[in-house]
PDB file of N, CA and C in Angstrom:
ATOM      1  N   MET A   1    -157.939  33.800  37.102  1.00  0.00           N
ATOM      2  CA  MET A   1    -157.466  33.611  38.224  1.00  0.00           C
ATOM      3  C   MET A   1    -158.394  34.446  39.492  1.00  0.00           C
ATOM      4  N   SER A   2    -158.648  33.709  40.726  1.00  0.00           N
ATOM      5  CA  SER A   2    -159.579  34.614  41.635  1.00  0.00           C
ATOM      6  C   SER A   2    -159.975  35.926  42.130  1.00  0.00           C
ATOM      7  N   GLY A   3    -160.957  35.821  42.542  1.00  0.00           N
ATOM      8  CA  GLY A   3    -161.372  37.464  43.292  1.00  0.00           C
ATOM      9  C   GLY A   3    -159.988  37.590  43.903  1.00  0.00           C
ATOM     10  N   GLU A   4    -159.950  36.487  45.161  1.00  0.00           N
ATOM     11  CA  GLU A   4    -158.728  36.913  46.153  1.00  0.00           C
ATOM     12  C   GLU A   4    -157.711  36.860  45.918  1.00  0.00           C
ATOM     13  N   GLU A   5    -157.215  36.537  44.074  1.00  0.00           N
ATOM     14  CA  GLU A   5    -155.668  37.171  44.300  1.00  0.00           C
ATOM     15  C   GLU A   5    -155.799  38.307  43.360  1.00  0.00           C
ATOM     16  N   THR A   6    -156.837  38.740  43.065  1.00  0.00           N
ATOM     17  CA  THR A   6    -157.176  40.180  42.253  1.00  0.00           C
ATOM     18  C   THR A   6    -156.801  40.918  43.537  1.00  0.00           C
ATOM     19  N   THR A   7    -157.849  40.727  44.192  1.00  0.00           N
ATOM     20  CA  THR A   7    -157.397  41.884  45.740  1.00  0.00           C
ATOM     21  C   THR A   7    -156.414  41.848  46.559  1.00  0.00           C
ATOM     22  N   ALA A   8    -155.787  40.586  46.428  1.00  0.00           N
ATOM     23  CA  ALA A   8    -154.530  40.405  47.172  1.00  0.00           C
ATOM     24  C   ALA A   8    -153.282  41.356  46.392  1.00  0.00           C
ATOM     25  N   GLY A   9    -152.988  41.025  45.494  1.00  0.00           N
ATOM     26  CA  GLY A   9    -152.678  42.016  44.172  1.00  0.00           C
ATOM     27  C   GLY A   9    -152.672  43.068  44.343  1.00  0.00           C
ATOM     28  N   ARG A  10    -154.104  43.583  44.413  1.00  0.00           N
ATOM     29  CA  ARG A  10    -154.356  45.136  44.412  1.00  0.00           C
ATOM     30  C   ARG A  10    -153.670  45.466  45.758  1.00  0.00           C
ATOM     31  N   GLU A  11    -153.667  44.875  46.941  1.00  0.00           N
ATOM     32  CA  GLU A  11    -153.312  45.775  48.185  1.00  0.00           C
ATOM     33  C   GLU A  11    -151.897  45.462  47.827  1.00  0.00           C
ATOM     34  N   ILE A  12    -150.588  44.629  47.332  1.00  0.00           N
ATOM     35  CA  ILE A  12    -149.681  44.719  47.382  1.00  0.00           C
ATOM     36  C   ILE A  12    -149.107  45.887  46.341  1.00  0.00           C
ATOM     37  N   ILE A  13    -149.926  46.115  45.119  1.00  0.00           N
ATOM     38  CA  ILE A  13    -149.396  47.780  44.578  1.00  0.00           C
ATOM     39  C   ILE A  13    -149.814  48.731  44.902  1.00  0.00           C
ATOM     40  N   THR A  14    -150.801  48.697  45.759  1.00  0.00           N
ATOM     41  CA  THR A  14    -150.880  49.974  46.484  1.00  0.00           C
ATOM     42  C   THR A  14    -150.222  50.122  47.614  1.00  0.00           C
ATOM     43  N   LYS A  15    -149.359  49.350  48.514  1.00  0.00           N
ATOM     44  CA  LYS A  15    -148.265  49.468  49.177  1.00  0.00           C
ATOM     45  C   LYS A  15    -147.158  49.692  48.214  1.00  0.00           C
ATOM     46  N   ALA A  16    -147.069  49.022  47.323  1.00  0.00           N
ATOM     47  CA  ALA A  16    -145.905  49.389  46.286  1.00  0.00           C
ATOM     48  C   ALA A  16    -145.731  51.310  46.229  1.00  0.00           C
ATOM     49  N   ILE A  17    -146.910  51.437  45.676  1.00  0.00           N
ATOM     50  CA  ILE A  17    -146.838  53.064  45.208  1.00  0.00           C
ATOM     51  C   ILE A  17    -147.107  53.884  45.927  1.00  0.00           C
ATOM     52  N   THR A  18    -147.030  53.663  47.265  1.00  0.00           N
ATOM     53  CA  THR A  18    -146.874  54.073  48.146  1.00  0.00           C
ATOM     54  C   THR A  18    -145.257  54.444  48.865  1.00  0.00           C
ATOM     55  N   ALA A  19    -144.614  53.375  48.571  1.00  0.00           N
ATOM     56  CA  ALA A  19    -143.466  52.755  48.676  1.00  0.00           C
ATOM     57  C   ALA A  19    -142.474  53.698  47.690  1.00  0.00           C
ATOM     58  N   LEU A  20    -143.025  53.539  46.629  1.00  0.00           N
ATOM     59  CA  LEU A  20    -142.346  54.288  45.343  1.00  0.00           C
ATOM     60  C   LEU A  20    -142.289  55.691  46.186  1.00  0.00           C
ATOM     61  N   GLU A  21    -143.389  56.792  46.560  1.00  0.00           N
ATOM     62  CA  GLU A  21    -143.567  57.860  46.686  1.00  0.00           C
ATOM     63  C   GLU A  21    -142.686  58.129  48.182  1.00  0.00           C
ATOM     64  N   ASP A  22    -142.082  56.949  48.569  1.00  0.00           N
ATOM     65  CA  ASP A  22    -141.749  57.387  50.024  1.00  0.00           C
ATOM     66  C   ASP A  22    -139.991  57.098  49.649  1.00  0.00           C
ATOM     67  N   GLY A  23    -139.786  56.930  48.285  1.00  0.00           N
ATOM     68  CA  GLY A  23    -138.605  56.700  48.125  1.00  0.00           C
ATOM     69  C   GLY A  23    -138.228  55.594  48.073  1.00  0.00           C
ATOM     70  N   TYR A  24    -138.687  54.560  48.311  1.00  0.00           N
ATOM     71  CA  TYR A  24    -138.140  52.963  47.748  1.00  0.00           C
ATOM     72  C   TYR A  24    -137.708  52.631  46.607  1.00  0.00           C
ATOM     73  N   THR A  25    -136.888  51.279  46.507  1.00  0.00           N
ATOM     74  CA  THR A  25    -136.619  50.476  44.913  1.00  0.00           C
ATOM     75  C   THR A  25    -137.887  49.894  45.008  1.00  0.00           C
ATOM     76  N   VAL A  26    -138.425  49.330  44.247  1.00  0.00           N
ATOM     77  CA  VAL A  26    -139.650  48.530  44.493  1.00  0.00           C
ATOM     78  C   VAL A  26    -139.265  47.218  43.694  1.00  0.00           C
ATOM     79  N   LEU A  27    -139.578  46.087  43.759  1.00  0.00           N
ATOM     80  CA  LEU A  27    -139.276  45.207  43.049  1.00  0.00           C
ATOM     81  C   LEU A  27    -140.195  44.336  42.865  1.00  0.00           C
ATOM     82  N   ILE A  28    -141.326  43.888  42.239  1.00  0.00           N
ATOM     83  CA  ILE A  28    -142.599  43.088  41.921  1.00  0.00           C
ATOM     84  C   ILE A  28    -142.133  41.772  41.146  1.00  0.00           C
ATOM     85  N   ARG A  29    -142.965  41.177  41.861  1.00  0.00           N
ATOM     86  CA  ARG A  29    -142.717  39.288  41.306  1.00  0.00           C
ATOM     87  C   ARG A  29    -144.159  38.700  41.016  1.00  0.00           C
ATOM     88  N   LEU A  30    -144.047  38.737  39.124  1.00  0.00           N
ATOM     89  CA  LEU A  30    -145.065  37.963  39.390  1.00  0.00           C
ATOM     90  C   LEU A  30    -145.257  36.414  38.976  1.00  0.00           C
ATOM     91  N   ARG A  31    -146.660  35.857  39.254  1.00  0.00           N
ATOM     92  CA  ARG A  31    -146.328  34.520  39.096  1.00  0.00           C
ATOM     93  C   ARG A  31    -146.075  34.080  38.231  1.00  0.00           C
ATOM     94  N   GLY A  32    -145.198  33.220  38.121  1.00  0.00           N
ATOM     95  CA  GLY A  32    -144.788  31.643  36.932  1.00  0.00           C
ATOM     96  C   GLY A  32    -143.643  33.083  36.358  1.00  0.00           C
ATOM     97  N   ARG A  33    -143.292  33.825  36.846  1.00  0.00           N
ATOM     98  CA  ARG A  33    -142.008  34.453  36.057  1.00  0.00           C
ATOM     99  C   ARG A  33    -140.900  34.492  36.856  1.00  0.00           C
ATOM    100  N   ASP A  34    -139.634  34.302  36.178  1.00  0.00           N
ATOM    101  CA  ASP A  34    -138.485  33.711  36.481  1.00  0.00           C
ATOM    102  C   ASP A  34    -138.303  35.391  37.624  1.00  0.00           C
ATOM    103  N   ARG A  35    -138.261  36.178  36.328  1.00  0.00           N
ATOM    104  CA  ARG A  35    -137.596  37.634  36.996  1.00  0.00           C
ATOM    105  C   ARG A  35    -138.529  38.549  37.525  1.00  0.00           C
ATOM    106  N   GLY A  36    -138.501  39.372  38.636  1.00  0.00           N
ATOM    107  CA  GLY A  36    -139.283  40.326  38.897  1.00  0.00           C
ATOM    108  C   GLY A  36    -139.110  41.642  37.770  1.00  0.00           C
ATOM    109  N   ILE A  37    -140.100  42.815  38.225  1.00  0.00           N
ATOM    110  CA  ILE A  37    -140.311  43.908  37.692  1.00  0.00           C
ATOM    111  C   ILE A  37    -139.350  44.711  38.349  1.00  0.00           C
ATOM    112  N   LYS A  38    -138.050  46.152  38.199  1.00  0.00           N
ATOM    113  CA  LYS A  38    -137.935  46.916  39.102  1.00  0.00           C
ATOM    114  C   LYS A  38    -138.967  48.040  38.883  1.00  0.00           C
ATOM    115  N   ALA A  39    -140.156  48.508  39.053  1.00  0.00           N
ATOM    116  CA  ALA A  39    -140.700  49.572  38.931  1.00  0.00           C
ATOM    117  C   ALA A  39    -139.945  50.879  39.171  1.00  0.00           C
ATOM    118  N   ALA A  40    -140.578  51.796  38.422  1.00  0.00           N
ATOM    119  CA  ALA A  40    -140.008  53.099  38.955  1.00  0.00           C
ATOM    120  C   ALA A  40    -141.332  53.986  38.808  1.00  0.00           C
ATOM    121  N   ARG A  41    -142.598  53.409  38.042  1.00  0.00           N
ATOM    122  CA  ARG A  41    -143.886  54.146  38.555  1.00  0.00           C
ATOM    123  C   ARG A  41    -144.749  53.207  38.306  1.00  0.00           C
ATOM    124  N   ILE A  42    -146.002  53.204  38.559  1.00  0.00           N
ATOM    125  CA  ILE A  42    -147.113  52.580  38.890  1.00  0.00           C
ATOM    126  C   ILE A  42    -148.578  53.330  38.769  1.00  0.00           C
ATOM    127  N   VAL A  43    -149.007  52.922  37.793  1.00  0.00           N
ATOM    128  CA  VAL A  43    -150.403  53.560  37.938  1.00  0.00           C
ATOM    129  C   VAL A  43    -151.573  52.376  37.538  1.00  0.00           C
ATOM    130  N   PRO A  44    -152.145  52.723  38.117  1.00  0.00           N
ATOM    131  CA  PRO A  44    -153.342  51.765  38.651  1.00  0.00           C
ATOM    132  C   PRO A  44    -154.402  51.778  37.581  1.00  0.00           C
ATOM    133  N   ASP A  45    -155.375  51.231  37.610  1.00  0.00           N
ATOM    134  CA  ASP A  45    -156.431  50.537  37.003  1.00  0.00           C
ATOM    135  C   ASP A  45    -157.666  50.132  37.398  1.00  0.00           C
ATOM    136  N   LEU A  46    -158.475  49.151  37.257  1.00  0.00           N
ATOM    137  CA  LEU A  46    -159.923  49.109  37.304  1.00  0.00           C
ATOM    138  C   LEU A  46    -159.483  47.338  37.998  1.00  0.00           C
ATOM    139  N   LEU A  47    -158.360  46.674  36.652  1.00  0.00           N
ATOM    140  CA  LEU A  47    -158.417  45.219  37.385  1.00  0.00           C
ATOM    141  C   LEU A  47    -157.069  45.025  36.586  1.00  0.00           C
ATOM    142  N   SER A  48    -156.307  45.837  36.207  1.00  0.00           N
ATOM    143  CA  SER A  48    -154.540  46.030  36.265  1.00  0.00           C
ATOM    144  C   SER A  48    -153.718  47.253  36.562  1.00  0.00           C
ATOM    145  N   PHE A  49    -152.759  47.426  36.187  1.00  0.00           N
ATOM    146  CA  PHE A  49    -152.276  48.773  36.203  1.00  0.00           C
ATOM    147  C   PHE A  49    -151.081  48.546  35.440  1.00  0.00           C
ATOM    148  N   ARG A  50    -150.703  49.578  34.645  1.00  0.00           N
ATOM    149  CA  ARG A  50    -149.156  49.922  34.052  1.00  0.00           C
ATOM    150  C   ARG A  50    -148.148  50.243  34.818  1.00  0.00           C
ATOM    151  N   VAL A  51    -146.915  49.475  34.257  1.00  0.00           N
ATOM    152  CA  VAL A  51    -145.758  49.193  35.564  1.00  0.00           C
ATOM    153  C   VAL A  51    -144.653  50.032  34.109  1.00  0.00           C
ATOM    154  N   GLU A  52    -143.876  50.845  34.685  1.00  0.00           N
ATOM    155  CA  GLU A  52    -142.835  51.502  34.082  1.00  0.00           C
ATOM    156  C   GLU A  52    -141.449  51.139  34.560  1.00  0.00           C
ATOM    157  N   GLU A  53    -140.650  50.112  34.040  1.00  0.00           N
ATOM    158  CA  GLU A  53    -139.171  50.020  34.909  1.00  0.00           C
ATOM    159  C   GLU A  53    -138.400  50.554  34.713  1.00  0.00           C
ATOM    160  N   THR A  54    -137.354  50.505  35.407  1.00  0.00           N
ATOM    161  CA  THR A  54    -136.061  51.627  35.787  1.00  0.00           C
ATOM    162  C   THR A  54    -135.877  51.794  34.605  1.00  0.00           C
ATOM    163  N   ASP A  55    -135.557  50.558  33.382  1.00  0.00           N
ATOM    164  CA  ASP A  55    -134.934  50.789  32.380  1.00  0.00           C
ATOM    165  C   ASP A  55    -135.377  51.010  31.482  1.00  0.00           C
ATOM    166  N   GLY A  56    -136.822  51.844  31.344  1.00  0.00           N
ATOM    167  CA  GLY A  56    -137.940  52.571  30.269  1.00  0.00           C
ATOM    168  C   GLY A  56    -139.009  51.639  29.903  1.00  0.00           C
ATOM    169  N   PHE A  57    -138.431  50.082  30.279  1.00  0.00           N
ATOM    170  CA  PHE A  57    -139.991  49.399  29.714  1.00  0.00           C
ATOM    171  C   PHE A  57    -141.114  49.283  30.153  1.00  0.00           C
ATOM    172  N   SER A  58    -142.371  49.318  29.378  1.00  0.00           N
ATOM    173  CA  SER A  58    -143.309  49.733  30.235  1.00  0.00           C
ATOM    174  C   SER A  58    -144.716  48.062  29.991  1.00  0.00           C
ATOM    175  N   CYS A  59    -145.082  48.327  31.034  1.00  0.00           N
ATOM    176  CA  CYS A  59    -146.059  47.076  30.676  1.00  0.00           C
ATOM    177  C   CYS A  59    -147.639  46.947  31.164  1.00  0.00           C
ATOM    178  N   ASP A  60    -148.331  46.554  30.873  1.00  0.00           N
ATOM    179  CA  ASP A  60    -149.749  46.422  31.667  1.00  0.00           C
ATOM    180  C   ASP A  60    -149.811  44.737  32.182  1.00  0.00           C
ATOM    181  N   VAL A  61    -150.146  45.098  33.766  1.00  0.00           N
ATOM    182  CA  VAL A  61    -150.247  43.941  34.540  1.00  0.00           C
ATOM    183  C   VAL A  61    -151.638  43.700  35.184  1.00  0.00           C
ATOM    184  N   ALA A  62    -151.981  42.478  35.293  1.00  0.00           N
ATOM    185  CA  ALA A  62    -153.277  42.096  35.895  1.00  0.00           C
ATOM    186  C   ALA A  62    -153.038  42.073  37.745  1.00  0.00           C
ATOM    187  N   PHE A  63    -153.582  42.634  37.890  1.00  0.00           N
ATOM    188  CA  PHE A  63    -153.529  42.138  39.766  1.00  0.00           C
ATOM    189  C   PHE A  63    -153.468  41.374  40.263  1.00  0.00           C
ATOM    190  N   SER A  64    -154.484  40.036  39.549  1.00  0.00           N
ATOM    191  CA  SER A  64    -154.295  38.745  40.093  1.00  0.00           C
ATOM    192  C   SER A  64    -153.216  38.103  39.757  1.00  0.00           C
ATOM    193  N   ALA A  65    -151.781  38.451  39.002  1.00  0.00           N
ATOM    194  CA  ALA A  65    -150.484  38.108  38.348  1.00  0.00           C
ATOM    195  C   ALA A  65    -149.925  38.330  39.426  1.00  0.00           C
ATOM    196  N   VAL A  66    -149.934  39.647  40.530  1.00  0.00           N
ATOM    197  CA  VAL A  66    -148.654  39.701  40.989  1.00  0.00           C
ATOM    198  C   VAL A  66    -149.147  39.059  42.423  1.00  0.00           C
ATOM    199  N   GLU A  67    -147.248  38.530  42.782  1.00  0.00           N
ATOM    200  CA  GLU A  67    -146.792  37.329  43.759  1.00  0.00           C
ATOM    201  C   GLU A  67    -146.529  38.169  45.188  1.00  0.00           C
ATOM    202  N   HIS A  68    -145.944  39.238  44.945  1.00  0.00           N
ATOM    203  CA  HIS A  68    -144.665  39.741  46.401  1.00  0.00           C
ATOM    204  C   HIS A  68    -144.458  41.060  45.469  1.00  0.00           C
ATOM    205  N   ALA A  69    -144.167  41.872  46.752  1.00  0.00           N
ATOM    206  CA  ALA A  69    -143.469  42.789  46.367  1.00  0.00           C
ATOM    207  C   ALA A  69    -142.320  43.211  47.357  1.00  0.00           C
ATOM    208  N   ALA A  70    -141.066  43.245  47.093  1.00  0.00           N
ATOM    209  CA  ALA A  70    -139.829  43.571  48.343  1.00  0.00           C
ATOM    210  C   ALA A  70    -139.233  45.036  48.074  1.00  0.00           C
ATOM    211  N   TYR A  71    -138.632  45.551  48.671  1.00  0.00           N
ATOM    212  CA  TYR A  71    -138.601  46.945  48.895  1.00  0.00           C
ATOM    213  C   TYR A  71    -137.345  47.478  49.306  1.00  0.00           C
ATOM    214  N   SER A  72    -136.687  48.328  49.010  1.00  0.00           N
ATOM    215  CA  SER A  72    -135.364  48.530  49.653  1.00  0.00           C
ATOM    216  C   SER A  72    -134.983  50.067  49.533  1.00  0.00           C
ATOM    217  N   LYS A  73    -134.663  50.283  49.992  1.00  0.00           N
ATOM    218  CA  LYS A  73    -133.692  52.565  50.119  1.00  0.00           C
ATOM    219  C   LYS A  73    -132.325  52.131  49.767  1.00  0.00           C
ATOM    220  N   GLU A  74    -131.939  52.819  49.150  1.00  0.00           N
ATOM    221  CA  GLU A  74    -130.095  52.640  48.456  1.00  0.00           C
ATOM    222  C   GLU A  74    -129.102  52.365  50.000  1.00  0.00           C
ATOM    223  N   GLY A  75    -128.886  51.617  50.068  1.00  0.00           N
ATOM    224  CA  GLY A  75    -127.637  51.019  50.817  1.00  0.00           C
ATOM    225  C   GLY A  75    -128.599  50.392  51.899  1.00  0.00           C
ATOM    226  N   GLY A  76    -129.720  50.192  51.807  1.00  0.00           N
ATOM    227  CA  GLY A  76    -130.609  49.425  52.782  1.00  0.00           C
ATOM    228  C   GLY A  76    -130.930  47.770  52.491  1.00  0.00           C
ATOM    229  N   ALA A  77    -130.951  46.970  53.133  1.00  0.00           N
ATOM    230  CA  ALA A  77    -131.690  45.656  52.926  1.00  0.00           C
ATOM    231  C   ALA A  77    -133.465  45.619  52.315  1.00  0.00           C
ATOM    232  N   VAL A  78    -133.544  44.737  51.526  1.00  0.00           N
ATOM    233  CA  VAL A  78    -134.676  43.983  50.575  1.00  0.00           C
ATOM    234  C   VAL A  78    -135.304  43.621  51.817  1.00  0.00           C
ATOM    235  N   SER A  79    -136.533  44.019  52.253  1.00  0.00           N
ATOM    236  CA  SER A  79    -137.775  43.415  52.742  1.00  0.00           C
ATOM    237  C   SER A  79    -139.010  43.278  52.481  1.00  0.00           C
ATOM    238  N   SER A  80    -140.008  42.752  52.758  1.00  0.00           N
ATOM    239  CA  SER A  80    -141.316  42.841  52.254  1.00  0.00           C
ATOM    240  C   SER A  80    -142.031  43.420  52.632  1.00  0.00           C
ATOM    241  N   THR A  81    -142.132  44.191  53.736  1.00  0.00           N
ATOM    242  CA  THR A  81    -142.456  45.618  54.217  1.00  0.00           C
ATOM    243  C   THR A  81    -141.873  46.453  54.143  1.00  0.00           C
ATOM    244  N   PRO A  82    -142.024  47.959  53.650  1.00  0.00           N
ATOM    245  CA  PRO A  82    -141.088  49.304  53.696  1.00  0.00           C
ATOM    246  C   PRO A  82    -140.940  49.782  54.692  1.00  0.00           C
ATOM    247  N   SER A  83    -141.370  49.473  56.185  1.00  0.00           N
ATOM    248  CA  SER A  83    -140.586  50.023  56.863  1.00  0.00           C
ATOM    249  C   SER A  83    -139.498  49.100  57.634  1.00  0.00           C
ATOM    250  N   ALA A  84    -139.745  47.194  57.085  1.00  0.00           N
ATOM    251  CA  ALA A  84    -138.566  46.876  57.642  1.00  0.00           C
ATOM    252  C   ALA A  84    -137.810  46.728  56.824  1.00  0.00           C
ATOM    253  N   ALA A  85    -137.456  47.300  55.929  1.00  0.00           N
ATOM    254  CA  ALA A  85    -136.595  47.534  54.727  1.00  0.00           C
ATOM    255  C   ALA A  85    -135.584  48.691  55.404  1.00  0.00           C
ATOM    256  N   GLU A  86    -136.212  49.644  56.376  1.00  0.00           N
ATOM    257  CA  GLU A  86    -136.042  51.311  56.477  1.00  0.00           C
ATOM    258  C   GLU A  86    -135.079  50.859  57.740  1.00  0.00           C
ATOM    259  N   ASN A  87    -135.478  50.046  58.714  1.00  0.00           N
ATOM    260  CA  ASN A  87    -135.184  49.446  59.914  1.00  0.00           C
ATOM    261  C   ASN A  87    -133.868  48.256  59.826  1.00  0.00           C
ATOM    262  N   ALA A  88    -133.208  48.009  58.511  1.00  0.00           N
ATOM    263  CA  ALA A  88    -132.152  46.720  58.256  1.00  0.00           C
ATOM    264  C   ALA A  88    -130.964  47.999  58.115  1.00  0.00           C
TER     265      ALA A  88
END
């Protein structure tokens, strides 16, 4: 994976952490995966992050594997940006 993918993944996860702190539900999509990870908690490290899912499962994921994150609030629409989800 390239350094650009790692940087882009880190930016997505940084926004996802902020969204979780602001009360959003966060769904993280990984490259080459059919399903996303519904995050309950995210703990970043140097080249990867630990994600705890809402069902209690946790795993380590490389930043370069992150493709996209979607945000929603209870009763709201899913969006690629937290502010858009809030306004929907």
